[in-house]
Amino acid sequence: MSMIPSFFGNNRRAGNSFFDPFSLDVWDPFKDFPSSTSPESSAIVNARVDWRETPEAHVFKADLPGLKKEEVKVEVEDDSVLKISGQRHVEKEEKSDTWHRVERSSGQFTRKFRLPENVRMDQVKAALENGVLTVTVPKVETKKADVKSIQISG
């Protein structure tokens, strides 16, 4: 047996010893280190957020399935940072229940985005619909440059 850990796990199903590039059984070099985040405090750690810029605004869309608007906060810090945070509570466990699988996370999450200077932080709008939070940060209207045609003499 090798003293070097396998980077692709030690799961050898039914004698298969070939490399499976699609396997999620990957060696985690940090799994035995103490963690500062517990499962209770790292809910949707990787809450998926799309950030798109249109000519009129910056639009953020975050997937927050199962959360109510009371469980989500949208804040502006220092007039330049958009902060999306919230908490998903643990489902009440009944003594008579038998759990076969628990994959949904619970706890707190926070995402922060530094915004450019051309935004109107006083006009930020947010809406939560069907588990998708949409935050719209309007841009400052830029005045188009006045172009004056100069006649060429000669």
N, C-alpha and C. Protein backbone atom coordinates (compact mmCIF):
# COMPACT_ATOMS: atom_id res chain seq x y z
N MET A 1 0.85 -1.18 0.00
CA MET A 1 0.00 0.00 0.00
C MET A 1 0.89 1.23 0.00
N SER A 2 0.54 2.20 -0.77
CA SER A 2 1.33 3.41 -0.91
C SER A 2 1.14 4.33 0.27
N MET A 3 2.20 5.04 0.63
CA MET A 3 2.14 6.03 1.71
C MET A 3 1.62 7.36 1.17
N ILE A 4 1.58 7.52 -0.14
CA ILE A 4 1.11 8.75 -0.77
C ILE A 4 -0.39 8.61 -1.01
N PRO A 5 -1.19 9.60 -0.57
CA PRO A 5 -2.64 9.49 -0.76
C PRO A 5 -3.00 9.59 -2.24
N SER A 6 -4.04 8.90 -2.58
CA SER A 6 -4.53 8.97 -3.95
C SER A 6 -5.31 10.25 -4.14
N PHE A 7 -5.00 11.01 -5.17
CA PHE A 7 -5.73 12.24 -5.44
C PHE A 7 -7.13 11.96 -5.96
N PHE A 8 -7.40 10.76 -6.36
CA PHE A 8 -8.70 10.43 -6.91
C PHE A 8 -9.46 9.46 -6.03
N GLY A 9 -9.17 9.50 -4.74
CA GLY A 9 -9.93 8.71 -3.78
C GLY A 9 -9.49 7.26 -3.75
N ASN A 10 -10.07 6.54 -2.82
CA ASN A 10 -9.73 5.13 -2.66
C ASN A 10 -10.92 4.24 -2.97
N ASN A 11 -11.89 4.77 -3.65
CA ASN A 11 -13.09 4.01 -3.95
C ASN A 11 -12.85 3.14 -5.17
N ARG A 12 -12.67 1.87 -4.95
CA ARG A 12 -12.46 0.91 -6.05
C ARG A 12 -13.68 0.00 -6.10
N ARG A 13 -14.64 0.35 -6.95
CA ARG A 13 -15.89 -0.40 -7.02
C ARG A 13 -15.68 -1.71 -7.77
N ALA A 14 -16.04 -2.78 -7.13
CA ALA A 14 -16.07 -4.10 -7.75
C ALA A 14 -14.80 -4.41 -8.54
N GLY A 15 -13.67 -4.04 -7.97
CA GLY A 15 -12.41 -4.39 -8.61
C GLY A 15 -11.99 -3.45 -9.73
N ASN A 16 -12.77 -2.43 -10.04
CA ASN A 16 -12.37 -1.49 -11.08
C ASN A 16 -11.19 -0.66 -10.59
N SER A 17 -10.13 -0.63 -11.36
CA SER A 17 -8.98 0.15 -10.95
C SER A 17 -8.64 1.21 -11.99
N PHE A 18 -9.60 1.53 -12.83
CA PHE A 18 -9.34 2.54 -13.86
C PHE A 18 -9.70 3.93 -13.36
N PHE A 19 -9.12 4.92 -13.99
CA PHE A 19 -9.35 6.31 -13.63
C PHE A 19 -10.67 6.78 -14.22
N ASP A 20 -11.54 7.32 -13.38
CA ASP A 20 -12.83 7.83 -13.83
C ASP A 20 -12.80 9.35 -13.72
N PRO A 21 -12.69 10.07 -14.85
CA PRO A 21 -12.58 11.54 -14.78
C PRO A 21 -13.86 12.22 -14.31
N PHE A 22 -14.99 11.50 -14.28
CA PHE A 22 -16.25 12.10 -13.87
C PHE A 22 -16.62 11.78 -12.43
N SER A 23 -15.76 11.04 -11.76
CA SER A 23 -16.03 10.67 -10.38
C SER A 23 -15.88 11.88 -9.48
N LEU A 24 -16.75 11.98 -8.49
CA LEU A 24 -16.66 13.06 -7.51
C LEU A 24 -15.93 12.60 -6.26
N ASP A 25 -15.40 11.40 -6.30
CA ASP A 25 -14.66 10.84 -5.18
C ASP A 25 -13.22 11.33 -5.27
N VAL A 26 -12.98 12.56 -4.87
CA VAL A 26 -11.67 13.18 -4.98
C VAL A 26 -11.07 13.36 -3.61
N TRP A 27 -9.79 13.12 -3.49
CA TRP A 27 -9.09 13.27 -2.22
C TRP A 27 -9.10 14.73 -1.80
N ASP A 28 -9.48 15.00 -0.56
CA ASP A 28 -9.51 16.36 -0.02
C ASP A 28 -8.34 16.51 0.94
N PRO A 29 -7.33 17.31 0.58
CA PRO A 29 -6.15 17.43 1.45
C PRO A 29 -6.44 18.15 2.75
N PHE A 30 -7.59 18.84 2.87
CA PHE A 30 -7.91 19.60 4.06
C PHE A 30 -8.97 18.94 4.94
N LYS A 31 -9.38 17.72 4.60
CA LYS A 31 -10.50 17.12 5.31
C LYS A 31 -10.21 16.84 6.78
N ASP A 32 -8.95 16.63 7.16
CA ASP A 32 -8.62 16.33 8.54
C ASP A 32 -8.23 17.57 9.35
N PHE A 33 -8.18 18.73 8.70
CA PHE A 33 -7.87 19.97 9.41
C PHE A 33 -9.12 20.48 10.11
N PRO A 34 -8.94 21.09 11.30
CA PRO A 34 -10.12 21.67 11.95
C PRO A 34 -10.64 22.83 11.11
N SER A 35 -11.94 22.94 11.02
CA SER A 35 -12.56 23.96 10.18
C SER A 35 -13.15 25.05 11.05
N SER A 36 -13.03 26.31 10.57
CA SER A 36 -13.61 27.42 11.30
C SER A 36 -15.08 27.59 10.98
N THR A 37 -15.55 26.90 9.94
CA THR A 37 -16.97 27.00 9.60
C THR A 37 -17.64 25.67 9.86
N SER A 38 -18.72 25.71 10.58
CA SER A 38 -19.48 24.51 10.85
C SER A 38 -20.61 24.43 9.85
N PRO A 39 -21.21 23.26 9.65
CA PRO A 39 -22.32 23.16 8.71
C PRO A 39 -23.47 24.10 9.07
N GLU A 40 -23.61 24.42 10.37
CA GLU A 40 -24.69 25.30 10.77
C GLU A 40 -24.45 26.74 10.35
N SER A 41 -23.20 27.14 10.11
CA SER A 41 -22.91 28.54 9.79
C SER A 41 -22.46 28.73 8.35
N SER A 42 -22.63 27.74 7.52
CA SER A 42 -22.17 27.88 6.15
C SER A 42 -23.24 27.44 5.17
N ALA A 43 -24.41 27.99 5.30
CA ALA A 43 -25.57 27.56 4.53
C ALA A 43 -25.29 27.50 3.04
N ILE A 44 -25.73 28.49 2.36
CA ILE A 44 -25.58 28.50 0.92
C ILE A 44 -24.28 29.22 0.63
N VAL A 45 -23.18 28.63 1.09
CA VAL A 45 -21.88 29.28 0.98
C VAL A 45 -21.63 29.69 -0.46
N ASN A 46 -21.99 28.86 -1.35
CA ASN A 46 -21.78 29.16 -2.75
C ASN A 46 -23.09 29.54 -3.42
N ALA A 47 -23.83 30.44 -2.79
CA ALA A 47 -25.07 30.90 -3.41
C ALA A 47 -24.72 31.43 -4.80
N ARG A 48 -25.31 30.87 -5.79
CA ARG A 48 -24.99 31.22 -7.17
C ARG A 48 -25.57 32.58 -7.52
N VAL A 49 -24.72 33.47 -8.00
CA VAL A 49 -25.15 34.82 -8.35
C VAL A 49 -24.64 35.16 -9.74
N ASP A 50 -25.55 35.63 -10.58
CA ASP A 50 -25.18 36.16 -11.90
C ASP A 50 -25.17 37.67 -11.80
N TRP A 51 -24.15 38.30 -12.38
CA TRP A 51 -24.05 39.77 -12.40
C TRP A 51 -23.95 40.18 -13.85
N ARG A 52 -24.94 40.93 -14.30
CA ARG A 52 -24.98 41.36 -15.69
C ARG A 52 -25.10 42.87 -15.73
N GLU A 53 -24.41 43.47 -16.68
CA GLU A 53 -24.46 44.92 -16.83
C GLU A 53 -25.20 45.25 -18.12
N THR A 54 -26.21 46.10 -17.99
CA THR A 54 -26.95 46.59 -19.15
C THR A 54 -26.60 48.06 -19.32
N PRO A 55 -27.02 48.70 -20.38
CA PRO A 55 -26.73 50.13 -20.52
C PRO A 55 -27.35 50.98 -19.40
N GLU A 56 -28.43 50.48 -18.77
CA GLU A 56 -29.12 51.25 -17.74
C GLU A 56 -28.77 50.87 -16.31
N ALA A 57 -28.32 49.62 -16.08
CA ALA A 57 -28.15 49.16 -14.69
C ALA A 57 -27.23 47.95 -14.60
N HIS A 58 -26.87 47.64 -13.35
CA HIS A 58 -26.22 46.37 -13.00
C HIS A 58 -27.32 45.50 -12.40
N VAL A 59 -27.45 44.27 -12.90
CA VAL A 59 -28.53 43.39 -12.45
C VAL A 59 -27.90 42.13 -11.86
N PHE A 60 -28.27 41.82 -10.62
CA PHE A 60 -27.78 40.63 -9.92
C PHE A 60 -28.95 39.67 -9.77
N LYS A 61 -28.70 38.39 -10.06
CA LYS A 61 -29.72 37.35 -9.85
C LYS A 61 -29.08 36.25 -9.02
N ALA A 62 -29.70 35.98 -7.86
CA ALA A 62 -29.18 34.97 -6.94
C ALA A 62 -30.21 33.86 -6.77
N ASP A 63 -29.75 32.62 -6.87
CA ASP A 63 -30.62 31.48 -6.64
C ASP A 63 -30.71 31.23 -5.14
N LEU A 64 -31.89 31.44 -4.58
CA LEU A 64 -32.13 31.24 -3.15
C LEU A 64 -33.38 30.40 -2.95
N PRO A 65 -33.36 29.15 -3.42
CA PRO A 65 -34.57 28.34 -3.35
C PRO A 65 -35.03 28.08 -1.93
N GLY A 66 -36.33 28.20 -1.73
CA GLY A 66 -36.92 27.90 -0.44
C GLY A 66 -36.87 29.01 0.58
N LEU A 67 -36.21 30.13 0.26
CA LEU A 67 -36.14 31.23 1.22
C LEU A 67 -37.28 32.22 1.01
N LYS A 68 -37.73 32.78 2.13
CA LYS A 68 -38.75 33.83 2.09
C LYS A 68 -38.04 35.18 2.13
N LYS A 69 -38.73 36.22 1.71
CA LYS A 69 -38.08 37.54 1.69
C LYS A 69 -37.68 37.99 3.09
N GLU A 70 -38.35 37.49 4.12
CA GLU A 70 -37.99 37.84 5.49
C GLU A 70 -36.65 37.23 5.90
N GLU A 71 -36.20 36.21 5.19
CA GLU A 71 -34.95 35.52 5.53
C GLU A 71 -33.76 36.05 4.73
N VAL A 72 -33.99 37.05 3.88
CA VAL A 72 -32.94 37.59 3.01
C VAL A 72 -32.78 39.08 3.28
N LYS A 73 -31.53 39.57 3.30
CA LYS A 73 -31.25 40.99 3.46
C LYS A 73 -30.41 41.45 2.28
N VAL A 74 -30.76 42.63 1.74
CA VAL A 74 -29.96 43.28 0.72
C VAL A 74 -29.56 44.62 1.30
N GLU A 75 -28.24 44.86 1.37
CA GLU A 75 -27.73 46.07 1.99
C GLU A 75 -26.66 46.71 1.11
N VAL A 76 -26.44 48.01 1.34
CA VAL A 76 -25.38 48.75 0.67
C VAL A 76 -24.41 49.21 1.75
N GLU A 77 -23.13 48.86 1.60
CA GLU A 77 -22.11 49.25 2.56
C GLU A 77 -21.19 50.29 1.92
N ASP A 78 -20.90 51.35 2.63
CA ASP A 78 -19.95 52.38 2.19
C ASP A 78 -20.27 52.95 0.81
N ASP A 79 -21.52 52.96 0.42
CA ASP A 79 -21.95 53.47 -0.89
C ASP A 79 -21.21 52.84 -2.06
N SER A 80 -20.62 51.66 -1.86
CA SER A 80 -19.91 51.03 -2.97
C SER A 80 -19.96 49.51 -2.97
N VAL A 81 -20.51 48.92 -1.92
CA VAL A 81 -20.54 47.45 -1.81
C VAL A 81 -21.98 46.98 -1.64
N LEU A 82 -22.39 46.08 -2.52
CA LEU A 82 -23.70 45.45 -2.41
C LEU A 82 -23.53 44.16 -1.62
N LYS A 83 -24.33 44.01 -0.56
CA LYS A 83 -24.23 42.83 0.31
C LYS A 83 -25.57 42.10 0.29
N ILE A 84 -25.52 40.82 -0.06
CA ILE A 84 -26.70 39.95 -0.05
C ILE A 84 -26.43 38.90 1.01
N SER A 85 -27.32 38.82 2.00
CA SER A 85 -27.13 37.85 3.07
C SER A 85 -28.47 37.28 3.50
N GLY A 86 -28.40 36.24 4.28
CA GLY A 86 -29.63 35.64 4.76
C GLY A 86 -29.36 34.40 5.57
N GLN A 87 -30.45 33.71 5.88
CA GLN A 87 -30.33 32.52 6.69
C GLN A 87 -31.44 31.53 6.34
N ARG A 88 -31.03 30.29 6.17
CA ARG A 88 -31.99 29.20 5.99
C ARG A 88 -31.99 28.41 7.28
N HIS A 89 -33.18 28.28 7.87
CA HIS A 89 -33.31 27.60 9.16
C HIS A 89 -33.35 26.09 8.97
N VAL A 90 -32.87 25.39 9.99
CA VAL A 90 -32.89 23.94 9.98
C VAL A 90 -34.33 23.47 10.11
N GLU A 91 -34.68 22.48 9.31
CA GLU A 91 -36.03 21.93 9.37
C GLU A 91 -36.20 21.18 10.68
N LYS A 92 -37.37 21.36 11.31
CA LYS A 92 -37.63 20.71 12.59
C LYS A 92 -37.63 19.19 12.40
N GLU A 93 -36.89 18.54 13.27
CA GLU A 93 -36.75 17.09 13.16
C GLU A 93 -37.67 16.41 14.16
N GLU A 94 -38.50 15.51 13.66
CA GLU A 94 -39.40 14.74 14.53
C GLU A 94 -38.69 13.45 14.94
N LYS A 95 -38.91 13.04 16.17
CA LYS A 95 -38.28 11.82 16.70
C LYS A 95 -38.70 10.57 15.91
N SER A 96 -39.91 10.59 15.36
CA SER A 96 -40.40 9.41 14.65
C SER A 96 -39.90 9.35 13.20
N ASP A 97 -39.25 10.43 12.73
CA ASP A 97 -38.77 10.45 11.35
C ASP A 97 -37.48 9.67 11.19
N THR A 98 -37.34 9.04 10.04
CA THR A 98 -36.10 8.39 9.66
C THR A 98 -35.56 9.09 8.43
N TRP A 99 -34.41 9.72 8.57
CA TRP A 99 -33.82 10.45 7.44
C TRP A 99 -32.95 9.49 6.64
N HIS A 100 -33.12 9.48 5.33
CA HIS A 100 -32.31 8.63 4.45
C HIS A 100 -31.21 9.43 3.77
N ARG A 101 -31.45 10.73 3.61
CA ARG A 101 -30.46 11.58 2.95
C ARG A 101 -30.74 13.03 3.34
N VAL A 102 -29.68 13.77 3.66
CA VAL A 102 -29.80 15.20 3.96
C VAL A 102 -28.77 15.92 3.09
N GLU A 103 -29.23 16.61 2.07
CA GLU A 103 -28.34 17.30 1.14
C GLU A 103 -28.54 18.80 1.15
N ARG A 104 -29.71 19.26 1.57
CA ARG A 104 -29.97 20.69 1.59
C ARG A 104 -29.25 21.31 2.78
N SER A 105 -28.64 22.45 2.54
CA SER A 105 -27.88 23.10 3.59
C SER A 105 -28.75 24.08 4.35
N SER A 106 -28.27 24.43 5.55
CA SER A 106 -28.96 25.42 6.37
C SER A 106 -27.91 26.26 7.05
N GLY A 107 -28.33 27.43 7.52
CA GLY A 107 -27.40 28.33 8.18
C GLY A 107 -27.36 29.67 7.48
N GLN A 108 -26.28 30.43 7.70
CA GLN A 108 -26.17 31.78 7.17
C GLN A 108 -25.33 31.81 5.90
N PHE A 109 -25.56 32.82 5.08
CA PHE A 109 -24.74 33.04 3.90
C PHE A 109 -24.58 34.54 3.67
N THR A 110 -23.49 34.92 3.04
CA THR A 110 -23.23 36.32 2.70
C THR A 110 -22.45 36.37 1.40
N ARG A 111 -22.87 37.25 0.50
CA ARG A 111 -22.11 37.54 -0.73
C ARG A 111 -21.97 39.05 -0.83
N LYS A 112 -20.77 39.53 -1.19
CA LYS A 112 -20.52 40.95 -1.34
C LYS A 112 -19.95 41.23 -2.72
N PHE A 113 -20.36 42.38 -3.29
CA PHE A 113 -19.91 42.79 -4.60
C PHE A 113 -19.54 44.27 -4.58
N ARG A 114 -18.30 44.58 -4.96
CA ARG A 114 -17.87 45.97 -5.06
C ARG A 114 -18.35 46.51 -6.39
N LEU A 115 -19.10 47.60 -6.32
CA LEU A 115 -19.70 48.18 -7.52
C LEU A 115 -18.85 49.32 -8.06
N PRO A 116 -18.95 49.58 -9.36
CA PRO A 116 -18.22 50.70 -9.94
C PRO A 116 -18.81 52.03 -9.47
N GLU A 117 -18.13 53.11 -9.81
CA GLU A 117 -18.55 54.43 -9.33
C GLU A 117 -19.76 54.98 -10.07
N ASN A 118 -20.12 54.42 -11.19
CA ASN A 118 -21.20 55.00 -12.02
C ASN A 118 -22.58 54.46 -11.67
N VAL A 119 -22.84 54.15 -10.39
CA VAL A 119 -24.14 53.59 -10.00
C VAL A 119 -24.87 54.51 -9.04
N ARG A 120 -26.18 54.36 -8.99
CA ARG A 120 -27.05 55.15 -8.09
C ARG A 120 -27.43 54.25 -6.92
N MET A 121 -26.63 54.28 -5.89
CA MET A 121 -26.86 53.40 -4.74
C MET A 121 -28.13 53.76 -3.97
N ASP A 122 -28.64 54.97 -4.18
CA ASP A 122 -29.87 55.38 -3.50
C ASP A 122 -31.12 54.87 -4.20
N GLN A 123 -30.96 54.19 -5.34
CA GLN A 123 -32.12 53.70 -6.09
C GLN A 123 -32.08 52.19 -6.32
N VAL A 124 -31.42 51.46 -5.43
CA VAL A 124 -31.33 50.00 -5.55
C VAL A 124 -32.70 49.40 -5.29
N LYS A 125 -33.07 48.42 -6.13
CA LYS A 125 -34.35 47.71 -5.96
C LYS A 125 -34.08 46.22 -5.91
N ALA A 126 -34.89 45.51 -5.10
CA ALA A 126 -34.74 44.07 -4.97
C ALA A 126 -36.10 43.41 -4.99
N ALA A 127 -36.18 42.22 -5.60
CA ALA A 127 -37.42 41.44 -5.64
C ALA A 127 -37.06 39.96 -5.55
N LEU A 128 -37.86 39.21 -4.80
CA LEU A 128 -37.67 37.76 -4.67
C LEU A 128 -38.89 37.07 -5.24
N GLU A 129 -38.66 36.30 -6.31
CA GLU A 129 -39.77 35.61 -6.97
C GLU A 129 -39.33 34.22 -7.39
N ASN A 130 -40.10 33.22 -6.98
CA ASN A 130 -39.82 31.82 -7.32
C ASN A 130 -38.41 31.39 -6.96
N GLY A 131 -37.92 31.85 -5.81
CA GLY A 131 -36.60 31.45 -5.34
C GLY A 131 -35.44 32.16 -6.00
N VAL A 132 -35.72 33.18 -6.81
CA VAL A 132 -34.66 33.95 -7.46
C VAL A 132 -34.74 35.39 -6.98
N LEU A 133 -33.65 35.86 -6.36
CA LEU A 133 -33.56 37.24 -5.91
C LEU A 133 -32.96 38.06 -7.05
N THR A 134 -33.66 39.13 -7.45
CA THR A 134 -33.16 40.03 -8.48
C THR A 134 -32.92 41.39 -7.84
N VAL A 135 -31.67 41.85 -7.91
CA VAL A 135 -31.29 43.15 -7.38
C VAL A 135 -30.86 44.01 -8.57
N THR A 136 -31.48 45.18 -8.70
CA THR A 136 -31.17 46.09 -9.80
C THR A 136 -30.54 47.35 -9.22
N VAL A 137 -29.35 47.67 -9.70
CA VAL A 137 -28.63 48.87 -9.27
C VAL A 137 -28.52 49.77 -10.50
N PRO A 138 -29.34 50.84 -10.56
CA PRO A 138 -29.31 51.71 -11.74
C PRO A 138 -27.97 52.44 -11.88
N LYS A 139 -27.63 52.73 -13.12
CA LYS A 139 -26.42 53.50 -13.40
C LYS A 139 -26.73 54.99 -13.43
N VAL A 140 -25.72 55.79 -13.18
CA VAL A 140 -25.85 57.24 -13.32
C VAL A 140 -25.96 57.53 -14.81
N GLU A 141 -26.92 58.37 -15.16
CA GLU A 141 -27.07 58.71 -16.57
C GLU A 141 -25.86 59.52 -17.01
N THR A 142 -25.25 59.05 -18.07
CA THR A 142 -24.09 59.78 -18.58
C THR A 142 -24.54 60.70 -19.70
N LYS A 143 -24.07 61.90 -19.60
CA LYS A 143 -24.43 62.87 -20.61
C LYS A 143 -23.60 62.58 -21.85
N LYS A 144 -24.28 62.52 -22.97
CA LYS A 144 -23.57 62.27 -24.22
C LYS A 144 -22.77 63.52 -24.57
N ALA A 145 -21.61 63.29 -25.06
CA ALA A 145 -20.74 64.42 -25.43
C ALA A 145 -21.34 65.17 -26.60
N ASP A 146 -21.32 66.50 -26.45
CA ASP A 146 -21.78 67.34 -27.55
C ASP A 146 -20.71 67.32 -28.64
N VAL A 147 -21.13 66.95 -29.81
CA VAL A 147 -20.20 66.90 -30.94
C VAL A 147 -20.55 68.06 -31.86
N LYS A 148 -19.55 68.86 -32.08
CA LYS A 148 -19.75 70.02 -32.96
C LYS A 148 -18.82 69.84 -34.15
N SER A 149 -19.42 69.89 -35.29
CA SER A 149 -18.65 69.73 -36.52
C SER A 149 -17.93 71.05 -36.86
N ILE A 150 -16.68 70.97 -37.17
CA ILE A 150 -15.87 72.13 -37.51
C ILE A 150 -15.64 72.14 -39.02
N GLN A 151 -15.95 73.29 -39.59
CA GLN A 151 -15.75 73.42 -41.05
C GLN A 151 -14.29 73.65 -41.33
N ILE A 152 -13.81 72.98 -42.32
CA ILE A 152 -12.40 73.09 -42.70
C ILE A 152 -12.29 74.09 -43.85
N SER A 153 -11.47 75.09 -43.67
CA SER A 153 -11.29 76.08 -44.73
C SER A 153 -10.09 75.70 -45.59
N GLY A 154 -10.07 76.24 -46.75
CA GLY A 154 -8.91 75.92 -47.55
C GLY A 154 -9.02 76.14 -48.98
